[in-house]
Amino acid sequence: MNGITRRQALGLAVGTSLSLGLAGCGGSSASSSGVDKNGVVTISVNGMPTKTQPADRKDYEDLVRQFEASHPKIKIDAREGQMDPKTFAAKLAGGQLEDVFYVYFTDPAGLIQRHQAADITPYLKGVPYLGDIRPELQDVFKGADGKIYGLPTGNYSLGLLYNRDLFKKAGLDPDRPPVTWDEARTAARKISALGDGIVGYADYSKNNQGGWHLTSWIYSMGGEVATQQGGRWKAAFNSDAGHRTLQALHDMRWTDNSMGTRQLLEIGDVQKMMGAGKLGMYMAGPDNLPTIVKQFERKYEEYGLAALPGSATLGGGDGFMFNPKASPEKIKAGLQWIQWKYLNPDREEANVKKFAALGVPVGLPQPNLFAGQAQVKEDAIHAKYANVPQRNYKPFVDRSPDVAVKVEPPNAQQIYTVLDSVMQAVLTKKDANFDQLLGDAQKKVDTILATAK
């Protein structure tokens, strides 16, 4: 499932100009390079908020004007829209694809394999802070040839969001949330025992969201959903990890009765339960906190966030790639735009200060795009202007380095459709046959992976 990061939603601008010269631009024609007779290069970029988001759109347009004022040789042709796999190939073939285009982490591998994105490796030298991007995030945009085809601009990983008040009422320490699924099962049982319609743990099971979370469950158990075998992708969830996942869900649902009787839930249902004070825990990323607090008029102090129990979790994010037909001049200009807007800690304080004054949550533990001193600098700024209780997210931050983050499998949405039925069966049928469920799903997913383009 694709996450919308806080950085993306707020349009956090960052900026100092890059030390990337547009050397050689003057000798190119405007038709092939995008450079006019005055040496100004125009690049088309998507991701601009729609007119139905007037505040976000205005902020974006203001940033474009600021960028163009500080980069007089670059003009931004900003466009609405993001990545749509159904129309991407046609836009590329018809010359309608933007020079710089937004993608989710599920997109780059296929685009690189099909040669539908430009190799930007030759133009990265000297770009500030790119060397500080977390390697596991940059690797999403790296091809088998070791070359770089894009840059990450946002990320998320799933953790365990919980109600601190219910933890206290159930005799649990809200500062020491579960780190294993056995501990989570025990906590869910104690919370459910409070009665009054309170559910200990809830999870999604429809509209592809069940398959999304089941994938993260399997990762947390040390398993995989799909692996490459002989250069081809194959389903991998019909495994010990897959069986242990279904057993854990079955036991919480049917043995402990800690997941409630109402099933076939999706994200809105579970957030409503949490917002009503009727839910102890559910699997979620940090971006769920603002939604619950705002939509249900709650307080940030009521909630905690922990790393997902187990050894790994599902993560995702977004970034930008470049049209394979883009000229070197456009790629260089596009790199300047991306770095200025998304990847520069030098501008973080001005933007965080601005958004904190507007009441936008500051201090949530993600996105965290950088490693080393660059991230230390950003963390210090967020702590300075934090308007949320960062101490409540310490279990997420402290343990996250020990929990591997794995990206979504190829053809994720199609796979999630199949895995939805597995999740639904386990949560609605007490006598569900795990072997049959996983075996049947494996055959369907293998067909999806074999026929995918």
Protein backbone atom coordinates (compact mmCIF):
# COMPACT_ATOMS: atom_id res chain seq x y z
CA MET A 1 0.00 0.00 0.00
CA ASN A 2 1.31 3.37 -0.86
CA GLY A 3 2.11 5.70 1.97
CA ILE A 4 1.68 9.48 1.83
CA THR A 5 4.55 10.93 3.79
CA ARG A 6 4.32 13.99 5.98
CA ARG A 7 7.09 15.67 3.98
CA GLN A 8 5.12 15.08 0.77
CA ALA A 9 1.87 16.30 2.27
CA LEU A 10 3.33 19.47 3.70
CA GLY A 11 5.42 20.21 0.65
CA LEU A 12 8.42 20.93 2.86
CA ALA A 13 10.70 23.09 0.83
CA VAL A 14 14.42 22.82 1.19
CA GLY A 15 16.89 24.78 -0.67
CA THR A 16 20.21 26.05 -1.54
CA SER A 17 21.25 25.83 -5.13
CA LEU A 18 23.38 22.91 -6.24
CA SER A 19 26.87 23.23 -7.53
CA LEU A 20 25.65 21.67 -10.75
CA GLY A 21 26.56 23.84 -13.70
CA LEU A 22 24.60 23.71 -16.88
CA ALA A 23 27.80 23.60 -18.86
CA GLY A 24 27.34 23.08 -22.56
CA CYS A 25 23.71 24.23 -22.58
CA GLY A 26 24.33 27.08 -24.97
CA GLY A 27 25.27 24.74 -27.79
CA SER A 28 22.01 22.81 -27.65
CA SER A 29 18.83 23.58 -29.52
CA ALA A 30 15.67 24.26 -27.55
CA SER A 31 13.82 21.47 -29.35
CA SER A 32 16.20 18.74 -28.20
CA SER A 33 17.59 20.05 -24.92
CA GLY A 34 14.83 22.26 -23.61
CA VAL A 35 17.19 25.24 -23.46
CA ASP A 36 16.09 28.48 -25.12
CA LYS A 37 18.25 31.14 -26.77
CA ASN A 38 18.78 32.83 -23.38
CA GLY A 39 20.15 29.68 -21.83
CA VAL A 40 17.00 28.98 -19.80
CA VAL A 41 15.99 25.32 -19.52
CA THR A 42 12.35 24.40 -18.90
CA ILE A 43 11.49 21.15 -17.17
CA SER A 44 8.06 19.59 -16.71
CA VAL A 45 7.46 18.11 -13.26
CA ASN A 46 4.35 16.41 -11.90
CA GLY A 47 3.12 16.07 -8.32
CA MET A 48 1.54 19.52 -8.02
CA PRO A 49 -1.53 19.46 -5.72
CA THR A 50 -4.89 19.77 -7.45
CA LYS A 51 -7.17 22.82 -7.31
CA THR A 52 -9.30 20.96 -4.77
CA GLN A 53 -6.36 21.39 -2.36
CA PRO A 54 -6.06 25.19 -2.53
CA ALA A 55 -3.73 25.68 0.46
CA ASP A 56 -1.31 22.95 -0.63
CA ARG A 57 -1.42 24.15 -4.23
CA LYS A 58 -0.66 27.74 -3.23
CA ASP A 59 2.27 26.58 -1.12
CA TYR A 60 3.60 24.53 -4.03
CA GLU A 61 3.26 27.44 -6.44
CA ASP A 62 5.03 29.73 -3.97
CA LEU A 63 7.90 27.25 -3.80
CA VAL A 64 8.15 27.14 -7.58
CA ARG A 65 8.43 30.94 -7.64
CA GLN A 66 11.10 30.89 -4.91
CA PHE A 67 13.07 28.23 -6.77
CA GLU A 68 12.91 30.07 -10.08
CA ALA A 69 14.00 33.31 -8.40
CA SER A 70 17.11 31.62 -7.01
CA HIS A 71 17.70 29.58 -10.19
CA PRO A 72 17.06 32.08 -13.03
CA LYS A 73 18.24 29.64 -15.69
CA ILE A 74 15.54 27.09 -14.81
CA LYS A 75 11.78 27.26 -15.36
CA ILE A 76 9.37 24.75 -13.79
CA ASP A 77 6.40 23.56 -15.82
CA ALA A 78 4.43 22.17 -12.85
CA ARG A 79 1.69 19.65 -13.54
CA GLU A 80 -0.88 17.77 -11.49
CA GLY A 81 -0.92 13.99 -11.22
CA GLN A 82 1.36 11.23 -10.10
CA MET A 83 2.37 7.78 -11.29
CA ASP A 84 -0.40 5.84 -13.03
CA PRO A 85 0.87 2.45 -14.24
CA LYS A 86 -2.12 2.12 -16.58
CA THR A 87 -1.25 5.21 -18.61
CA PHE A 88 2.50 5.48 -18.07
CA ALA A 89 3.66 3.55 -21.14
CA ALA A 90 1.26 5.43 -23.42
CA LYS A 91 2.40 8.80 -22.06
CA LEU A 92 6.03 7.84 -22.60
CA ALA A 93 5.44 6.59 -26.13
CA GLY A 94 3.35 9.62 -27.01
CA GLY A 95 5.88 12.13 -25.69
CA GLN A 96 3.52 13.25 -22.91
CA LEU A 97 5.54 12.00 -19.92
CA GLU A 98 6.98 14.71 -17.70
CA ASP A 99 10.74 15.23 -17.58
CA VAL A 100 10.69 14.55 -13.84
CA PHE A 101 7.94 12.25 -12.59
CA TYR A 102 6.71 11.05 -9.21
CA VAL A 103 6.82 7.34 -8.33
CA TYR A 104 6.06 5.05 -5.41
CA PHE A 105 8.72 2.63 -4.21
CA THR A 106 6.86 -0.17 -6.01
CA ASP A 107 7.53 1.43 -9.40
CA PRO A 108 11.32 1.82 -9.95
CA ALA A 109 12.32 -1.84 -10.35
CA GLY A 110 9.96 -2.41 -13.26
CA LEU A 111 10.67 0.95 -14.90
CA ILE A 112 14.42 0.33 -14.76
CA GLN A 113 14.06 -3.19 -16.14
CA ARG A 114 11.97 -1.91 -19.04
CA HIS A 115 14.37 1.00 -19.72
CA GLN A 116 11.61 3.52 -18.98
CA ALA A 117 13.71 5.80 -16.77
CA ALA A 118 16.92 7.72 -17.39
CA ASP A 119 20.26 6.77 -15.87
CA ILE A 120 21.16 9.82 -13.77
CA THR A 121 24.44 8.47 -12.38
CA PRO A 122 26.69 10.75 -14.52
CA TYR A 123 25.00 13.88 -13.12
CA LEU A 124 25.07 13.15 -9.38
CA LYS A 125 28.61 14.23 -8.60
CA GLY A 126 28.66 17.32 -6.42
CA VAL A 127 24.97 17.25 -5.52
CA PRO A 128 24.80 18.23 -1.82
CA TYR A 129 23.53 15.67 0.70
CA LEU A 130 22.84 12.88 -1.77
CA GLY A 131 25.67 10.95 -0.16
CA ASP A 132 23.81 11.20 3.15
CA ILE A 133 20.61 9.50 1.93
CA ARG A 134 20.01 6.22 3.74
CA PRO A 135 21.49 3.50 1.48
CA GLU A 136 18.45 1.22 1.75
CA LEU A 137 16.27 4.03 0.39
CA GLN A 138 18.62 4.96 -2.44
CA ASP A 139 18.91 1.28 -3.38
CA VAL A 140 15.23 1.32 -4.38
CA PHE A 141 16.31 3.40 -7.38
CA LYS A 142 19.40 1.35 -8.21
CA GLY A 143 19.40 -1.02 -11.16
CA ALA A 144 21.04 -4.43 -11.43
CA ASP A 145 23.80 -2.61 -13.31
CA GLY A 146 24.58 -0.58 -10.18
CA LYS A 147 23.45 2.68 -11.79
CA ILE A 148 21.09 5.22 -10.19
CA TYR A 149 17.75 6.03 -11.84
CA GLY A 150 16.02 8.27 -9.30
CA LEU A 151 15.99 9.78 -5.83
CA PRO A 152 13.81 9.04 -2.77
CA THR A 153 11.92 11.97 -1.26
CA GLY A 154 9.74 10.27 1.35
CA ASN A 155 9.45 7.03 3.29
CA TYR A 156 7.42 5.17 5.90
CA SER A 157 7.48 1.86 7.74
CA LEU A 158 4.71 0.09 9.60
CA GLY A 159 4.82 -0.09 13.38
CA LEU A 160 2.38 -0.70 16.21
CA LEU A 161 0.13 2.23 17.11
CA TYR A 162 -1.47 1.88 20.54
CA ASN A 163 -3.71 3.58 23.09
CA ARG A 164 -1.59 4.48 26.11
CA ASP A 165 -4.62 4.97 28.38
CA LEU A 166 -5.93 1.48 27.65
CA PHE A 167 -2.46 0.06 28.30
CA LYS A 168 -2.49 1.65 31.75
CA LYS A 169 -6.02 0.45 32.53
CA ALA A 170 -5.01 -3.10 31.53
CA GLY A 171 -1.98 -3.03 33.83
CA LEU A 172 0.50 -2.68 30.96
CA ASP A 173 3.43 -0.26 30.82
CA PRO A 174 2.78 2.16 27.92
CA ASP A 175 6.50 2.98 27.81
CA ARG A 176 7.32 -0.71 27.20
CA PRO A 177 5.03 -1.90 24.39
CA PRO A 178 5.32 -5.41 22.87
CA VAL A 179 8.47 -6.34 20.97
CA THR A 180 7.31 -9.86 20.00
CA TRP A 181 3.99 -11.10 18.69
CA ASP A 182 3.64 -13.31 21.78
CA GLU A 183 3.85 -10.17 23.90
CA ALA A 184 1.38 -8.42 21.60
CA ARG A 185 -1.03 -11.34 21.97
CA THR A 186 -0.79 -11.15 25.77
CA ALA A 187 -1.34 -7.38 25.72
CA ALA A 188 -4.33 -7.69 23.39
CA ARG A 189 -5.91 -10.29 25.67
CA LYS A 190 -5.53 -8.06 28.74
CA ILE A 191 -6.94 -5.02 26.93
CA SER A 192 -9.94 -6.97 25.64
CA ALA A 193 -10.63 -8.14 29.19
CA LEU A 194 -11.49 -4.53 30.07
CA GLY A 195 -14.87 -5.11 28.45
CA ASP A 196 -17.21 -2.32 27.33
CA GLY A 197 -16.73 -3.28 23.69
CA ILE A 198 -12.97 -2.69 23.79
CA VAL A 199 -10.90 -4.68 21.25
CA GLY A 200 -7.28 -5.55 21.99
CA TYR A 201 -5.94 -5.72 18.43
CA ALA A 202 -7.57 -5.08 15.05
CA ASP A 203 -6.42 -5.57 11.48
CA TYR A 204 -7.53 -4.92 7.92
CA SER A 205 -8.84 -7.63 5.60
CA LYS A 206 -10.39 -6.04 2.49
CA ASN A 207 -9.76 -3.67 -0.42
CA ASN A 208 -6.16 -4.93 -0.75
CA GLN A 209 -5.41 -3.62 2.74
CA GLY A 210 -5.60 -7.11 4.24
CA GLY A 211 -2.99 -8.36 1.81
CA TRP A 212 -0.84 -5.32 2.55
CA HIS A 213 -0.82 -6.00 6.28
CA LEU A 214 -0.50 -9.76 5.85
CA THR A 215 2.67 -9.06 3.89
CA SER A 216 4.07 -7.07 6.80
CA TRP A 217 3.06 -9.84 9.21
CA ILE A 218 4.98 -12.39 7.15
CA TYR A 219 8.01 -10.10 7.00
CA SER A 220 7.89 -9.70 10.77
CA MET A 221 7.97 -13.48 11.14
CA GLY A 222 11.17 -13.64 9.09
CA GLY A 223 9.54 -14.68 5.83
CA GLU A 224 9.15 -13.33 2.31
CA VAL A 225 6.13 -12.86 0.07
CA ALA A 226 7.99 -13.18 -3.24
CA THR A 227 11.57 -14.06 -4.13
CA GLN A 228 13.60 -14.27 -7.31
CA GLN A 229 14.49 -17.77 -8.41
CA GLY A 230 16.60 -18.16 -11.52
CA GLY A 231 15.87 -14.59 -12.52
CA ARG A 232 12.10 -15.03 -12.15
CA TRP A 233 9.84 -13.99 -9.29
CA LYS A 234 7.96 -16.68 -7.40
CA ALA A 235 5.54 -16.64 -4.46
CA ALA A 236 7.33 -17.38 -1.17
CA PHE A 237 4.67 -17.00 1.54
CA ASN A 238 3.64 -20.67 1.63
CA SER A 239 6.31 -21.18 4.26
CA ASP A 240 6.88 -21.65 7.96
CA ALA A 241 6.64 -17.87 8.41
CA GLY A 242 3.36 -17.82 6.50
CA HIS A 243 1.90 -20.60 8.62
CA ARG A 244 3.04 -18.98 11.88
CA THR A 245 1.44 -15.72 10.77
CA LEU A 246 -1.93 -17.35 10.15
CA GLN A 247 -1.70 -19.25 13.42
CA ALA A 248 -1.01 -16.04 15.37
CA LEU A 249 -3.96 -14.26 13.78
CA HIS A 250 -6.21 -17.28 14.28
CA ASP A 251 -5.27 -17.56 17.96
CA MET A 252 -5.91 -13.92 18.72
CA ARG A 253 -9.20 -13.98 16.82
CA TRP A 254 -10.66 -17.32 17.93
CA THR A 255 -8.81 -18.54 21.04
CA ASP A 256 -8.32 -15.24 22.85
CA ASN A 257 -11.28 -13.36 21.32
CA SER A 258 -9.05 -10.27 21.46
CA MET A 259 -9.78 -9.09 17.90
CA GLY A 260 -13.50 -8.64 18.34
CA THR A 261 -16.30 -10.27 16.39
CA ARG A 262 -16.61 -7.61 13.69
CA GLN A 263 -14.25 -8.34 10.80
CA LEU A 264 -13.77 -7.41 7.11
CA LEU A 265 -12.34 -4.10 8.30
CA GLU A 266 -10.35 -1.49 6.42
CA ILE A 267 -8.31 1.50 7.49
CA GLY A 268 -11.22 3.88 8.12
CA ASP A 269 -12.96 1.33 10.36
CA VAL A 270 -9.88 0.72 12.48
CA GLN A 271 -9.01 4.40 12.80
CA LYS A 272 -12.57 5.05 13.97
CA MET A 273 -12.21 2.36 16.65
CA MET A 274 -8.95 3.90 17.82
CA GLY A 275 -10.44 7.39 17.74
CA ALA A 276 -13.40 6.22 19.85
CA GLY A 277 -11.11 4.81 22.53
CA LYS A 278 -12.28 1.26 21.79
CA LEU A 279 -9.06 -0.22 20.38
CA GLY A 280 -5.79 -1.12 22.04
CA MET A 281 -3.43 -1.64 19.09
CA TYR A 282 -3.18 -1.89 15.33
CA MET A 283 -0.48 -2.01 12.68
CA ALA A 284 0.16 1.47 11.27
CA GLY A 285 2.71 4.05 10.23
CA PRO A 286 3.30 7.37 12.01
CA ASP A 287 1.13 9.19 9.48
CA ASN A 288 -1.97 7.64 11.07
CA LEU A 289 -1.53 9.72 14.22
CA PRO A 290 -2.50 13.12 12.74
CA THR A 291 -5.52 11.54 11.05
CA ILE A 292 -6.87 10.10 14.30
CA VAL A 293 -6.17 13.22 16.35
CA LYS A 294 -7.74 15.61 13.86
CA GLN A 295 -10.67 13.52 12.64
CA PHE A 296 -11.79 12.31 16.07
CA GLU A 297 -10.73 15.32 18.16
CA ARG A 298 -8.26 13.36 20.27
CA LYS A 299 -4.91 14.36 21.79
CA TYR A 300 -1.48 13.16 20.71
CA GLU A 301 -0.67 12.38 24.35
CA GLU A 302 -3.20 9.53 24.26
CA TYR A 303 -1.22 7.46 21.77
CA GLY A 304 2.08 5.66 21.51
CA LEU A 305 3.99 4.19 18.60
CA ALA A 306 6.27 1.15 18.72
CA ALA A 307 8.33 -0.67 16.14
CA LEU A 308 6.51 -3.65 14.68
CA PRO A 309 6.96 -6.82 16.76
CA GLY A 310 9.33 -9.31 15.19
CA SER A 311 12.40 -9.00 13.00
CA ALA A 312 11.19 -6.99 10.01
CA THR A 313 8.42 -4.75 8.73
CA LEU A 314 7.03 -3.49 5.48
CA GLY A 315 8.11 -0.07 4.34
CA GLY A 316 7.55 2.11 1.37
CA GLY A 317 7.84 5.63 0.15
CA ASP A 318 8.07 7.83 -2.88
CA GLY A 319 10.53 9.68 -5.02
CA PHE A 320 11.21 11.01 -8.50
CA MET A 321 12.62 9.52 -11.67
CA PHE A 322 13.52 11.04 -15.04
CA ASN A 323 12.11 10.61 -18.52
CA PRO A 324 14.50 8.36 -20.50
CA LYS A 325 14.27 10.88 -23.35
CA ALA A 326 15.22 13.85 -21.16
CA SER A 327 18.31 15.75 -22.23
CA PRO A 328 21.35 16.08 -19.93
CA GLU A 329 20.39 19.72 -19.40
CA LYS A 330 16.93 18.75 -18.20
CA ILE A 331 18.27 16.03 -15.91
CA LYS A 332 20.71 18.46 -14.31
CA ALA A 333 17.97 21.02 -13.82
CA GLY A 334 15.63 18.37 -12.44
CA LEU A 335 18.22 17.31 -9.90
CA GLN A 336 18.51 20.88 -8.72
CA TRP A 337 14.73 21.11 -8.26
CA ILE A 338 14.46 17.82 -6.33
CA GLN A 339 17.38 18.62 -4.07
CA TRP A 340 16.18 22.15 -3.42
CA LYS A 341 12.63 21.11 -2.59
CA TYR A 342 13.06 17.77 -0.84
CA LEU A 343 16.62 16.87 0.09
CA ASN A 344 18.37 19.72 1.87
CA PRO A 345 18.62 19.95 5.67
CA ASP A 346 19.91 23.52 5.31
CA ARG A 347 16.34 24.71 4.74
CA GLU A 348 14.63 22.40 7.21
CA GLU A 349 14.44 24.80 10.13
CA ALA A 350 12.72 27.58 8.21
CA ASN A 351 10.09 25.20 6.96
CA VAL A 352 9.54 23.34 10.21
CA LYS A 353 9.18 26.64 12.05
CA LYS A 354 6.61 27.80 9.51
CA PHE A 355 4.51 24.65 9.75
CA ALA A 356 4.72 24.42 13.52
CA ALA A 357 3.24 27.93 13.69
CA LEU A 358 0.34 26.70 11.54
CA GLY A 359 -0.35 23.83 13.92
CA VAL A 360 0.93 21.13 11.59
CA PRO A 361 2.36 18.21 13.62
CA VAL A 362 6.13 18.45 13.99
CA GLY A 363 8.19 15.76 15.69
CA LEU A 364 6.73 12.55 14.27
CA PRO A 365 9.45 9.93 13.70
CA GLN A 366 9.18 9.80 9.92
CA PRO A 367 10.17 10.51 7.25
CA ASN A 368 13.83 10.02 8.04
CA LEU A 369 15.61 10.13 4.71
CA PHE A 370 19.15 10.68 5.84
CA ALA A 371 21.81 8.87 7.82
CA GLY A 372 24.67 10.29 9.88
CA GLN A 373 25.04 13.98 10.68
CA ALA A 374 22.45 15.12 8.14
CA GLN A 375 19.73 13.22 10.01
CA VAL A 376 21.13 14.31 13.38
CA LYS A 377 20.73 17.90 12.20
CA GLU A 378 17.13 17.34 11.08
CA ASP A 379 16.24 15.48 14.29
CA ALA A 380 17.53 18.37 16.39
CA ILE A 381 15.40 20.83 14.43
CA HIS A 382 12.28 18.68 14.81
CA ALA A 383 12.90 18.33 18.54
CA LYS A 384 13.30 22.11 18.87
CA TYR A 385 9.90 22.82 17.29
CA ALA A 386 8.09 19.60 18.27
CA ASN A 387 4.41 20.07 19.08
CA VAL A 388 3.74 16.35 19.61
CA PRO A 389 4.99 14.16 22.52
CA GLN A 390 8.11 12.65 20.99
CA ARG A 391 8.69 10.57 24.13
CA ASN A 392 5.63 8.52 23.14
CA TYR A 393 7.39 7.43 19.94
CA LYS A 394 10.65 6.45 21.61
CA PRO A 395 9.81 2.71 21.39
CA PHE A 396 9.50 3.15 17.61
CA VAL A 397 12.67 5.20 17.21
CA ASP A 398 14.86 3.19 19.58
CA ARG A 399 14.02 -0.23 18.18
CA SER A 400 13.67 0.67 14.50
CA PRO A 401 17.38 0.04 13.73
CA ASP A 402 16.86 -3.58 14.84
CA VAL A 403 13.82 -4.11 12.61
CA ALA A 404 14.65 -4.61 8.94
CA VAL A 405 12.50 -2.61 6.52
CA LYS A 406 11.47 -4.53 3.40
CA VAL A 407 9.75 -2.98 0.41
CA GLU A 408 6.58 -4.22 -1.17
CA PRO A 409 6.75 -7.22 -3.53
CA PRO A 410 6.52 -6.75 -7.31
CA ASN A 411 2.95 -6.44 -8.63
CA ALA A 412 2.02 -5.65 -5.05
CA GLN A 413 -1.59 -4.61 -5.56
CA GLN A 414 -2.45 -7.75 -7.52
CA ILE A 415 -0.79 -9.89 -4.86
CA TYR A 416 -2.65 -8.05 -2.11
CA THR A 417 -5.95 -8.85 -3.80
CA VAL A 418 -5.10 -12.54 -3.53
CA LEU A 419 -3.85 -12.28 0.05
CA ASP A 420 -6.99 -10.38 1.09
CA SER A 421 -8.90 -13.65 0.77
CA VAL A 422 -6.38 -15.43 3.00
CA MET A 423 -6.70 -12.78 5.69
CA GLN A 424 -10.49 -12.80 5.43
CA ALA A 425 -10.72 -16.57 5.75
CA VAL A 426 -8.54 -16.74 8.87
CA LEU A 427 -10.52 -13.99 10.59
CA THR A 428 -14.01 -15.20 9.64
CA LYS A 429 -13.66 -19.02 9.62
CA LYS A 430 -12.59 -20.72 12.82
CA ASP A 431 -11.72 -23.94 10.97
CA ALA A 432 -9.79 -22.27 8.14
CA ASN A 433 -7.30 -24.64 6.50
CA PHE A 434 -3.95 -22.87 6.44
CA ASP A 435 -2.33 -25.31 4.00
CA GLN A 436 -5.13 -24.93 1.50
CA LEU A 437 -5.32 -21.15 1.85
CA LEU A 438 -1.60 -20.64 1.33
CA GLY A 439 -1.36 -23.27 -1.41
CA ASP A 440 -4.21 -21.83 -3.45
CA ALA A 441 -2.89 -18.29 -3.00
CA GLN A 442 0.58 -19.41 -4.07
CA LYS A 443 -0.73 -20.75 -7.39
CA LYS A 444 -2.57 -17.50 -8.11
CA VAL A 445 0.39 -15.30 -7.22
CA ASP A 446 2.80 -17.41 -9.27
CA THR A 447 0.51 -16.85 -12.27
CA ILE A 448 0.48 -13.09 -11.61
CA LEU A 449 4.26 -12.96 -11.39
CA ALA A 450 4.75 -15.13 -14.47
CA THR A 451 2.50 -13.04 -16.71
CA ALA A 452 3.41 -9.59 -15.37
CA LYS A 453 5.14 -7.17 -17.71
